[in-house]
Amino acid sequence: MKRLGLLMVVVLLGWAWLERQALVDFPGILSAYSAKEYCSCRFVMGFEQAYCRAYVKQWLPLSELEENSQLRSVSAAGLGQDSRAAWQGAQEGCRLLP
């Protein structure tokens, strides 16, 4: 049994090493996806806030999802990363901001 457990640990560490870049990038994906999709839902498609919040809801919760209706922008935070998206116009839609 100890050998099987040790083998599983080695396999897990090997997988983590191969996927290290994806694991490093993952925290930023949650907030970026949420900000961009919420912005598009609200300001491009014109849906209500409650619908758009439900639309971007993920298994991992956001710590912040705030909308600025006047500026047509959204900020989202989750897993220690912050992202912002803003409406650029009728032809461009929403875009992530630096």
PDB file of N, CA and C in Angstrom:
ATOM      1  N   MET A   1       0.813  -1.195   0.000  1.00  0.00           N
ATOM      2  CA  MET A   1       0.000   0.000   0.000  1.00  0.00           C
ATOM      3  C   MET A   1       0.856   1.259   0.000  1.00  0.00           C
ATOM      4  N   LYS A   2       1.975   1.243   0.721  1.00  0.00           N
ATOM      5  CA  LYS A   2       2.847   2.409   0.756  1.00  0.00           C
ATOM      6  C   LYS A   2       3.419   2.696  -0.630  1.00  0.00           C
ATOM      7  N   ARG A   3       3.724   1.660  -1.368  1.00  0.00           N
ATOM      8  CA  ARG A   3       4.281   1.846  -2.710  1.00  0.00           C
ATOM      9  C   ARG A   3       3.247   2.473  -3.645  1.00  0.00           C
ATOM     10  N   LEU A   4       2.011   2.041  -3.515  1.00  0.00           N
ATOM     11  CA  LEU A   4       0.950   2.588  -4.350  1.00  0.00           C
ATOM     12  C   LEU A   4       0.752   4.071  -4.034  1.00  0.00           C
ATOM     13  N   GLY A   5       0.762   4.419  -2.761  1.00  0.00           N
ATOM     14  CA  GLY A   5       0.627   5.821  -2.355  1.00  0.00           C
ATOM     15  C   GLY A   5       1.789   6.652  -2.860  1.00  0.00           C
ATOM     16  N   LEU A   6       3.003   6.116  -2.750  1.00  0.00           N
ATOM     17  CA  LEU A   6       4.185   6.817  -3.228  1.00  0.00           C
ATOM     18  C   LEU A   6       4.133   6.999  -4.746  1.00  0.00           C
ATOM     19  N   LEU A   7       3.685   5.966  -5.443  1.00  0.00           N
ATOM     20  CA  LEU A   7       3.553   6.044  -6.897  1.00  0.00           C
ATOM     21  C   LEU A   7       2.539   7.122  -7.284  1.00  0.00           C
ATOM     22  N   MET A   8       1.443   7.187  -6.559  1.00  0.00           N
ATOM     23  CA  MET A   8       0.425   8.202  -6.845  1.00  0.00           C
ATOM     24  C   MET A   8       0.976   9.613  -6.622  1.00  0.00           C
ATOM     25  N   VAL A   9       1.755   9.810  -5.583  1.00  0.00           N
ATOM     26  CA  VAL A   9       2.364  11.112  -5.311  1.00  0.00           C
ATOM     27  C   VAL A   9       3.330  11.491  -6.432  1.00  0.00           C
ATOM     28  N   VAL A  10       4.137  10.550  -6.868  1.00  0.00           N
ATOM     29  CA  VAL A  10       5.094  10.805  -7.943  1.00  0.00           C
ATOM     30  C   VAL A  10       4.358  11.161  -9.240  1.00  0.00           C
ATOM     31  N   VAL A  11       3.299  10.432  -9.554  1.00  0.00           N
ATOM     32  CA  VAL A  11       2.522  10.710 -10.759  1.00  0.00           C
ATOM     33  C   VAL A  11       1.888  12.091 -10.660  1.00  0.00           C
ATOM     34  N   LEU A  12       1.332  12.433  -9.515  1.00  0.00           N
ATOM     35  CA  LEU A  12       0.716  13.740  -9.321  1.00  0.00           C
ATOM     36  C   LEU A  12       1.738  14.861  -9.466  1.00  0.00           C
ATOM     37  N   LEU A  13       2.902  14.697  -8.894  1.00  0.00           N
ATOM     38  CA  LEU A  13       3.955  15.703  -9.019  1.00  0.00           C
ATOM     39  C   LEU A  13       4.433  15.830 -10.465  1.00  0.00           C
ATOM     40  N   GLY A  14       4.530  14.706 -11.157  1.00  0.00           N
ATOM     41  CA  GLY A  14       4.903  14.734 -12.573  1.00  0.00           C
ATOM     42  C   GLY A  14       3.884  15.482 -13.405  1.00  0.00           C
ATOM     43  N   TRP A  15       2.612  15.212 -13.158  1.00  0.00           N
ATOM     44  CA  TRP A  15       1.543  15.917 -13.877  1.00  0.00           C
ATOM     45  C   TRP A  15       1.603  17.410 -13.577  1.00  0.00           C
ATOM     46  N   ALA A  16       1.784  17.780 -12.304  1.00  0.00           N
ATOM     47  CA  ALA A  16       1.849  19.192 -11.921  1.00  0.00           C
ATOM     48  C   ALA A  16       3.028  19.879 -12.616  1.00  0.00           C
ATOM     49  N   TRP A  17       4.140  19.187 -12.743  1.00  0.00           N
ATOM     50  CA  TRP A  17       5.305  19.766 -13.411  1.00  0.00           C
ATOM     51  C   TRP A  17       5.013  20.010 -14.906  1.00  0.00           C
ATOM     52  N   LEU A  18       4.361  19.057 -15.547  1.00  0.00           N
ATOM     53  CA  LEU A  18       4.033  19.206 -16.960  1.00  0.00           C
ATOM     54  C   LEU A  18       3.004  20.317 -17.195  1.00  0.00           C
ATOM     55  N   GLU A  19       2.125  20.512 -16.257  1.00  0.00           N
ATOM     56  CA  GLU A  19       1.057  21.507 -16.386  1.00  0.00           C
ATOM     57  C   GLU A  19       1.341  22.770 -15.576  1.00  0.00           C
ATOM     58  N   ARG A  20       2.589  23.004 -15.230  1.00  0.00           N
ATOM     59  CA  ARG A  20       2.932  24.109 -14.339  1.00  0.00           C
ATOM     60  C   ARG A  20       2.501  25.472 -14.882  1.00  0.00           C
ATOM     61  N   GLN A  21       2.642  25.722 -16.177  1.00  0.00           N
ATOM     62  CA  GLN A  21       2.245  27.019 -16.718  1.00  0.00           C
ATOM     63  C   GLN A  21       0.732  27.206 -16.643  1.00  0.00           C
ATOM     64  N   ALA A  22      -0.016  26.169 -16.949  1.00  0.00           N
ATOM     65  CA  ALA A  22      -1.476  26.255 -16.866  1.00  0.00           C
ATOM     66  C   ALA A  22      -1.916  26.478 -15.417  1.00  0.00           C
ATOM     67  N   LEU A  23      -1.255  25.833 -14.478  1.00  0.00           N
ATOM     68  CA  LEU A  23      -1.603  26.008 -13.068  1.00  0.00           C
ATOM     69  C   LEU A  23      -1.289  27.420 -12.581  1.00  0.00           C
ATOM     70  N   VAL A  24      -0.228  28.013 -13.101  1.00  0.00           N
ATOM     71  CA  VAL A  24       0.125  29.386 -12.741  1.00  0.00           C
ATOM     72  C   VAL A  24      -0.874  30.372 -13.351  1.00  0.00           C
ATOM     73  N   ASP A  25      -1.314  30.112 -14.574  1.00  0.00           N
ATOM     74  CA  ASP A  25      -2.243  31.009 -15.268  1.00  0.00           C
ATOM     75  C   ASP A  25      -3.673  30.913 -14.757  1.00  0.00           C
ATOM     76  N   PHE A  26      -4.050  29.797 -14.174  1.00  0.00           N
ATOM     77  CA  PHE A  26      -5.440  29.539 -13.824  1.00  0.00           C
ATOM     78  C   PHE A  26      -6.100  30.614 -12.963  1.00  0.00           C
ATOM     79  N   PRO A  27      -5.482  31.129 -11.908  1.00  0.00           N
ATOM     80  CA  PRO A  27      -6.181  32.117 -11.072  1.00  0.00           C
ATOM     81  C   PRO A  27      -6.660  33.344 -11.847  1.00  0.00           C
ATOM     82  N   GLY A  28      -5.932  33.779 -12.844  1.00  0.00           N
ATOM     83  CA  GLY A  28      -6.332  34.944 -13.619  1.00  0.00           C
ATOM     84  C   GLY A  28      -7.486  34.679 -14.564  1.00  0.00           C
ATOM     85  N   ILE A  29      -7.694  33.437 -14.918  1.00  0.00           N
ATOM     86  CA  ILE A  29      -8.751  33.094 -15.863  1.00  0.00           C
ATOM     87  C   ILE A  29     -10.129  33.344 -15.257  1.00  0.00           C
ATOM     88  N   LEU A  30     -10.320  33.020 -13.999  1.00  0.00           N
ATOM     89  CA  LEU A  30     -11.621  33.168 -13.350  1.00  0.00           C
ATOM     90  C   LEU A  30     -12.103  34.614 -13.393  1.00  0.00           C
ATOM     91  N   SER A  31     -11.264  35.544 -12.968  1.00  0.00           N
ATOM     92  CA  SER A  31     -11.690  36.939 -12.939  1.00  0.00           C
ATOM     93  C   SER A  31     -11.803  37.517 -14.345  1.00  0.00           C
ATOM     94  N   ALA A  32     -10.897  37.167 -15.246  1.00  0.00           N
ATOM     95  CA  ALA A  32     -10.935  37.698 -16.610  1.00  0.00           C
ATOM     96  C   ALA A  32     -12.183  37.215 -17.351  1.00  0.00           C
ATOM     97  N   TYR A  33     -12.472  35.927 -17.257  1.00  0.00           N
ATOM     98  CA  TYR A  33     -13.661  35.376 -17.903  1.00  0.00           C
ATOM     99  C   TYR A  33     -14.917  36.059 -17.358  1.00  0.00           C
ATOM    100  N   SER A  34     -14.995  36.182 -16.053  1.00  0.00           N
ATOM    101  CA  SER A  34     -16.191  36.749 -15.428  1.00  0.00           C
ATOM    102  C   SER A  34     -16.394  38.202 -15.826  1.00  0.00           C
ATOM    103  N   ALA A  35     -15.331  39.005 -15.802  1.00  0.00           N
ATOM    104  CA  ALA A  35     -15.451  40.417 -16.168  1.00  0.00           C
ATOM    105  C   ALA A  35     -15.870  40.570 -17.627  1.00  0.00           C
ATOM    106  N   LYS A  36     -15.224  39.853 -18.511  1.00  0.00           N
ATOM    107  CA  LYS A  36     -15.506  39.976 -19.953  1.00  0.00           C
ATOM    108  C   LYS A  36     -16.910  39.480 -20.290  1.00  0.00           C
ATOM    109  N   GLU A  37     -17.284  38.327 -19.785  1.00  0.00           N
ATOM    110  CA  GLU A  37     -18.594  37.768 -20.105  1.00  0.00           C
ATOM    111  C   GLU A  37     -19.726  38.579 -19.473  1.00  0.00           C
ATOM    112  N   TYR A  38     -19.532  39.060 -18.258  1.00  0.00           N
ATOM    113  CA  TYR A  38     -20.562  39.888 -17.623  1.00  0.00           C
ATOM    114  C   TYR A  38     -20.734  41.188 -18.405  1.00  0.00           C
ATOM    115  N   CYS A  39     -19.635  41.806 -18.781  1.00  0.00           N
ATOM    116  CA  CYS A  39     -19.687  43.036 -19.560  1.00  0.00           C
ATOM    117  C   CYS A  39     -20.455  42.806 -20.862  1.00  0.00           C
ATOM    118  N   SER A  40     -20.159  41.736 -21.551  1.00  0.00           N
ATOM    119  CA  SER A  40     -20.850  41.429 -22.808  1.00  0.00           C
ATOM    120  C   SER A  40     -22.332  41.155 -22.574  1.00  0.00           C
ATOM    121  N   CYS A  41     -22.629  40.434 -21.523  1.00  0.00           N
ATOM    122  CA  CYS A  41     -24.016  40.112 -21.197  1.00  0.00           C
ATOM    123  C   CYS A  41     -24.823  41.387 -20.930  1.00  0.00           C
ATOM    124  N   ARG A  42     -24.255  42.293 -20.151  1.00  0.00           N
ATOM    125  CA  ARG A  42     -24.975  43.516 -19.762  1.00  0.00           C
ATOM    126  C   ARG A  42     -25.007  44.563 -20.863  1.00  0.00           C
ATOM    127  N   PHE A  43     -23.847  44.882 -21.430  1.00  0.00           N
ATOM    128  CA  PHE A  43     -23.751  46.060 -22.276  1.00  0.00           C
ATOM    129  C   PHE A  43     -23.822  45.766 -23.770  1.00  0.00           C
ATOM    130  N   VAL A  44     -23.564  44.555 -24.171  1.00  0.00           N
ATOM    131  CA  VAL A  44     -23.708  44.189 -25.577  1.00  0.00           C
ATOM    132  C   VAL A  44     -25.087  43.566 -25.805  1.00  0.00           C
ATOM    133  N   MET A  45     -25.431  42.585 -24.978  1.00  0.00           N
ATOM    134  CA  MET A  45     -26.704  41.885 -25.147  1.00  0.00           C
ATOM    135  C   MET A  45     -27.870  42.595 -24.459  1.00  0.00           C
ATOM    136  N   GLY A  46     -27.576  43.416 -23.425  1.00  0.00           N
ATOM    137  CA  GLY A  46     -28.609  44.199 -22.761  1.00  0.00           C
ATOM    138  C   GLY A  46     -29.462  43.436 -21.752  1.00  0.00           C
ATOM    139  N   PHE A  47     -28.947  42.353 -21.197  1.00  0.00           N
ATOM    140  CA  PHE A  47     -29.704  41.586 -20.210  1.00  0.00           C
ATOM    141  C   PHE A  47     -29.637  42.246 -18.832  1.00  0.00           C
ATOM    142  N   GLU A  48     -30.532  41.824 -17.953  1.00  0.00           N
ATOM    143  CA  GLU A  48     -30.608  42.356 -16.587  1.00  0.00           C
ATOM    144  C   GLU A  48     -29.420  41.873 -15.748  1.00  0.00           C
ATOM    145  N   GLN A  49     -29.124  42.633 -14.683  1.00  0.00           N
ATOM    146  CA  GLN A  49     -28.004  42.295 -13.792  1.00  0.00           C
ATOM    147  C   GLN A  49     -28.133  40.894 -13.216  1.00  0.00           C
ATOM    148  N   ALA A  50     -29.302  40.546 -12.723  1.00  0.00           N
ATOM    149  CA  ALA A  50     -29.485  39.232 -12.081  1.00  0.00           C
ATOM    150  C   ALA A  50     -29.204  38.099 -13.058  1.00  0.00           C
ATOM    151  N   TYR A  51     -29.668  38.244 -14.287  1.00  0.00           N
ATOM    152  CA  TYR A  51     -29.425  37.213 -15.291  1.00  0.00           C
ATOM    153  C   TYR A  51     -27.926  37.081 -15.577  1.00  0.00           C
ATOM    154  N   CYS A  52     -27.249  38.212 -15.737  1.00  0.00           N
ATOM    155  CA  CYS A  52     -25.832  38.193 -16.075  1.00  0.00           C
ATOM    156  C   CYS A  52     -24.976  37.650 -14.921  1.00  0.00           C
ATOM    157  N   ARG A  53     -25.361  37.962 -13.695  1.00  0.00           N
ATOM    158  CA  ARG A  53     -24.639  37.391 -12.541  1.00  0.00           C
ATOM    159  C   ARG A  53     -24.770  35.875 -12.526  1.00  0.00           C
ATOM    160  N   ALA A  54     -25.963  35.389 -12.805  1.00  0.00           N
ATOM    161  CA  ALA A  54     -26.169  33.942 -12.853  1.00  0.00           C
ATOM    162  C   ALA A  54     -25.419  33.325 -14.033  1.00  0.00           C
ATOM    163  N   TYR A  55     -25.356  34.046 -15.136  1.00  0.00           N
ATOM    164  CA  TYR A  55     -24.684  33.563 -16.343  1.00  0.00           C
ATOM    165  C   TYR A  55     -23.189  33.342 -16.115  1.00  0.00           C
ATOM    166  N   VAL A  56     -22.540  34.238 -15.376  1.00  0.00           N
ATOM    167  CA  VAL A  56     -21.088  34.119 -15.178  1.00  0.00           C
ATOM    168  C   VAL A  56     -20.723  33.361 -13.905  1.00  0.00           C
ATOM    169  N   LYS A  57     -21.718  32.921 -13.161  1.00  0.00           N
ATOM    170  CA  LYS A  57     -21.441  32.211 -11.907  1.00  0.00           C
ATOM    171  C   LYS A  57     -20.651  30.932 -12.188  1.00  0.00           C
ATOM    172  N   GLN A  58     -19.597  30.741 -11.431  1.00  0.00           N
ATOM    173  CA  GLN A  58     -18.715  29.581 -11.582  1.00  0.00           C
ATOM    174  C   GLN A  58     -18.759  28.729 -10.317  1.00  0.00           C
ATOM    175  N   TRP A  59     -18.200  27.561 -10.425  1.00  0.00           N
ATOM    176  CA  TRP A  59     -18.082  26.680  -9.270  1.00  0.00           C
ATOM    177  C   TRP A  59     -17.199  27.334  -8.214  1.00  0.00           C
ATOM    178  N   LEU A  60     -16.127  27.986  -8.644  1.00  0.00           N
ATOM    179  CA  LEU A  60     -15.282  28.747  -7.729  1.00  0.00           C
ATOM    180  C   LEU A  60     -15.861  30.158  -7.626  1.00  0.00           C
ATOM    181  N   PRO A  61     -16.187  30.608  -6.435  1.00  0.00           N
ATOM    182  CA  PRO A  61     -16.864  31.900  -6.295  1.00  0.00           C
ATOM    183  C   PRO A  61     -15.924  33.092  -6.503  1.00  0.00           C
ATOM    184  N   LEU A  62     -16.487  34.178  -6.978  1.00  0.00           N
ATOM    185  CA  LEU A  62     -15.762  35.443  -7.075  1.00  0.00           C
ATOM    186  C   LEU A  62     -15.839  36.155  -5.735  1.00  0.00           C
ATOM    187  N   SER A  63     -14.808  36.886  -5.392  1.00  0.00           N
ATOM    188  CA  SER A  63     -14.867  37.688  -4.173  1.00  0.00           C
ATOM    189  C   SER A  63     -15.466  39.056  -4.465  1.00  0.00           C
ATOM    190  N   GLU A  64     -15.508  39.444  -5.755  1.00  0.00           N
ATOM    191  CA  GLU A  64     -16.065  40.741  -6.127  1.00  0.00           C
ATOM    192  C   GLU A  64     -16.536  40.682  -7.582  1.00  0.00           C
ATOM    193  N   LEU A  65     -17.682  41.261  -7.838  1.00  0.00           N
ATOM    194  CA  LEU A  65     -18.185  41.478  -9.196  1.00  0.00           C
ATOM    195  C   LEU A  65     -18.983  42.771  -9.154  1.00  0.00           C
ATOM    196  N   GLU A  66     -18.366  43.844  -9.639  1.00  0.00           N
ATOM    197  CA  GLU A  66     -18.980  45.165  -9.554  1.00  0.00           C
ATOM    198  C   GLU A  66     -19.155  45.761 -10.940  1.00  0.00           C
ATOM    199  N   GLU A  67     -20.312  46.388 -11.127  1.00  0.00           N
ATOM    200  CA  GLU A  67     -20.645  47.017 -12.399  1.00  0.00           C
ATOM    201  C   GLU A  67     -20.702  48.525 -12.223  1.00  0.00           C
ATOM    202  N   ASN A  68     -20.130  49.250 -13.155  1.00  0.00           N
ATOM    203  CA  ASN A  68     -20.276  50.700 -13.215  1.00  0.00           C
ATOM    204  C   ASN A  68     -21.093  50.991 -14.468  1.00  0.00           C
ATOM    205  N   SER A  69     -22.384  51.206 -14.292  1.00  0.00           N
ATOM    206  CA  SER A  69     -23.292  51.388 -15.426  1.00  0.00           C
ATOM    207  C   SER A  69     -22.975  52.644 -16.229  1.00  0.00           C
ATOM    208  N   GLN A  70     -22.558  53.703 -15.563  1.00  0.00           N
ATOM    209  CA  GLN A  70     -22.256  54.948 -16.268  1.00  0.00           C
ATOM    210  C   GLN A  70     -21.063  54.796 -17.201  1.00  0.00           C
ATOM    211  N   LEU A  71     -20.022  54.113 -16.738  1.00  0.00           N
ATOM    212  CA  LEU A  71     -18.830  53.900 -17.561  1.00  0.00           C
ATOM    213  C   LEU A  71     -18.922  52.638 -18.417  1.00  0.00           C
ATOM    214  N   ARG A  72     -19.986  51.873 -18.184  1.00  0.00           N
ATOM    215  CA  ARG A  72     -20.166  50.584 -18.858  1.00  0.00           C
ATOM    216  C   ARG A  72     -18.929  49.710 -18.695  1.00  0.00           C
ATOM    217  N   SER A  73     -18.544  49.544 -17.436  1.00  0.00           N
ATOM    218  CA  SER A  73     -17.390  48.717 -17.122  1.00  0.00           C
ATOM    219  C   SER A  73     -17.716  47.768 -15.981  1.00  0.00           C
ATOM    220  N   VAL A  74     -16.909  46.735 -15.868  1.00  0.00           N
ATOM    221  CA  VAL A  74     -17.100  45.697 -14.860  1.00  0.00           C
ATOM    222  C   VAL A  74     -15.745  45.361 -14.269  1.00  0.00           C
ATOM    223  N   SER A  75     -15.708  45.166 -12.959  1.00  0.00           N
ATOM    224  CA  SER A  75     -14.493  44.654 -12.322  1.00  0.00           C
ATOM    225  C   SER A  75     -14.867  43.370 -11.580  1.00  0.00           C
ATOM    226  N   ALA A  76     -13.978  42.397 -11.684  1.00  0.00           N
ATOM    227  CA  ALA A  76     -14.191  41.104 -11.037  1.00  0.00           C
ATOM    228  C   ALA A  76     -12.909  40.689 -10.345  1.00  0.00           C
ATOM    229  N   ALA A  77     -13.057  40.035  -9.199  1.00  0.00           N
ATOM    230  CA  ALA A  77     -11.903  39.542  -8.453  1.00  0.00           C
ATOM    231  C   ALA A  77     -12.203  38.130  -7.970  1.00  0.00           C
ATOM    232  N   GLY A  78     -11.199  37.289  -8.066  1.00  0.00           N
ATOM    233  CA  GLY A  78     -11.321  35.921  -7.598  1.00  0.00           C
ATOM    234  C   GLY A  78      -9.966  35.251  -7.588  1.00  0.00           C
ATOM    235  N   LEU A  79      -9.735  34.396  -6.617  1.00  0.00           N
ATOM    236  CA  LEU A  79      -8.466  33.684  -6.458  1.00  0.00           C
ATOM    237  C   LEU A  79      -7.279  34.636  -6.413  1.00  0.00           C
ATOM    238  N   GLY A  80      -7.504  35.828  -5.835  1.00  0.00           N
ATOM    239  CA  GLY A  80      -6.420  36.793  -5.652  1.00  0.00           C
ATOM    240  C   GLY A  80      -6.076  37.603  -6.887  1.00  0.00           C
ATOM    241  N   GLN A  81      -6.851  37.487  -7.946  1.00  0.00           N
ATOM    242  CA  GLN A  81      -6.592  38.228  -9.186  1.00  0.00           C
ATOM    243  C   GLN A  81      -7.762  39.159  -9.487  1.00  0.00           C
ATOM    244  N   ASP A  82      -7.452  40.354  -9.989  1.00  0.00           N
ATOM    245  CA  ASP A  82      -8.472  41.327 -10.380  1.00  0.00           C
ATOM    246  C   ASP A  82      -8.436  41.511 -11.887  1.00  0.00           C
ATOM    247  N   SER A  83      -9.608  41.674 -12.489  1.00  0.00           N
ATOM    248  CA  SER A  83      -9.709  41.956 -13.919  1.00  0.00           C
ATOM    249  C   SER A  83     -10.807  42.973 -14.141  1.00  0.00           C
ATOM    250  N   ARG A  84     -10.634  43.770 -15.203  1.00  0.00           N
ATOM    251  CA  ARG A  84     -11.643  44.755 -15.571  1.00  0.00           C
ATOM    252  C   ARG A  84     -11.929  44.627 -17.053  1.00  0.00           C
ATOM    253  N   ALA A  85     -13.175  44.863 -17.396  1.00  0.00           N
ATOM    254  CA  ALA A  85     -13.590  44.881 -18.790  1.00  0.00           C
ATOM    255  C   ALA A  85     -14.499  46.082 -18.997  1.00  0.00           C
ATOM    256  N   ALA A  86     -14.466  46.648 -20.197  1.00  0.00           N
ATOM    257  CA  ALA A  86     -15.299  47.808 -20.490  1.00  0.00           C
ATOM    258  C   ALA A  86     -15.857  47.702 -21.905  1.00  0.00           C
ATOM    259  N   TRP A  87     -17.037  48.286 -22.067  1.00  0.00           N
ATOM    260  CA  TRP A  87     -17.690  48.338 -23.360  1.00  0.00           C
ATOM    261  C   TRP A  87     -16.930  49.320 -24.240  1.00  0.00           C
ATOM    262  N   GLN A  88     -16.586  48.924 -25.460  1.00  0.00           N
ATOM    263  CA  GLN A  88     -15.804  49.761 -26.366  1.00  0.00           C
ATOM    264  C   GLN A  88     -16.655  50.431 -27.435  1.00  0.00           C
ATOM    265  N   GLY A  89     -17.836  49.910 -27.670  1.00  0.00           N
ATOM    266  CA  GLY A  89     -18.708  50.481 -28.687  1.00  0.00           C
ATOM    267  C   GLY A  89     -19.539  49.393 -29.337  1.00  0.00           C
ATOM    268  N   ALA A  90     -20.446  49.804 -30.179  1.00  0.00           N
ATOM    269  CA  ALA A  90     -21.377  48.852 -30.799  1.00  0.00           C
ATOM    270  C   ALA A  90     -20.652  47.842 -31.690  1.00  0.00           C
ATOM    271  N   GLN A  91     -19.626  48.268 -32.379  1.00  0.00           N
ATOM    272  CA  GLN A  91     -18.897  47.367 -33.283  1.00  0.00           C
ATOM    273  C   GLN A  91     -17.877  46.502 -32.550  1.00  0.00           C
ATOM    274  N   GLU A  92     -17.300  47.015 -31.474  1.00  0.00           N
ATOM    275  CA  GLU A  92     -16.221  46.313 -30.775  1.00  0.00           C
ATOM    276  C   GLU A  92     -16.696  45.452 -29.615  1.00  0.00           C
ATOM    277  N   GLY A  93     -17.798  45.813 -28.985  1.00  0.00           N
ATOM    278  CA  GLY A  93     -18.271  45.080 -27.817  1.00  0.00           C
ATOM    279  C   GLY A  93     -17.436  45.383 -26.597  1.00  0.00           C
ATOM    280  N   CYS A  94     -17.184  44.371 -25.759  1.00  0.00           N
ATOM    281  CA  CYS A  94     -16.412  44.555 -24.532  1.00  0.00           C
ATOM    282  C   CYS A  94     -14.988  44.036 -24.702  1.00  0.00           C
ATOM    283  N   ARG A  95     -14.084  44.611 -23.924  1.00  0.00           N
ATOM    284  CA  ARG A  95     -12.677  44.235 -23.992  1.00  0.00           C
ATOM    285  C   ARG A  95     -12.089  44.247 -22.593  1.00  0.00           C
ATOM    286  N   LEU A  96     -11.194  43.305 -22.331  1.00  0.00           N
ATOM    287  CA  LEU A  96     -10.456  43.319 -21.060  1.00  0.00           C
ATOM    288  C   LEU A  96      -9.511  44.511 -21.054  1.00  0.00           C
ATOM    289  N   LEU A  97      -9.404  45.159 -19.909  1.00  0.00           N
ATOM    290  CA  LEU A  97      -8.521  46.311 -19.775  1.00  0.00           C
ATOM    291  C   LEU A  97      -7.253  45.906 -19.058  1.00  0.00           C
ATOM    292  N   PRO A  98      -6.150  46.589 -19.366  1.00  0.00           N
ATOM    293  CA  PRO A  98      -4.884  46.280 -18.680  1.00  0.00           C
ATOM    294  C   PRO A  98      -4.912  46.672 -17.221  1.00  0.00           C
TER     295      PRO A  98
END
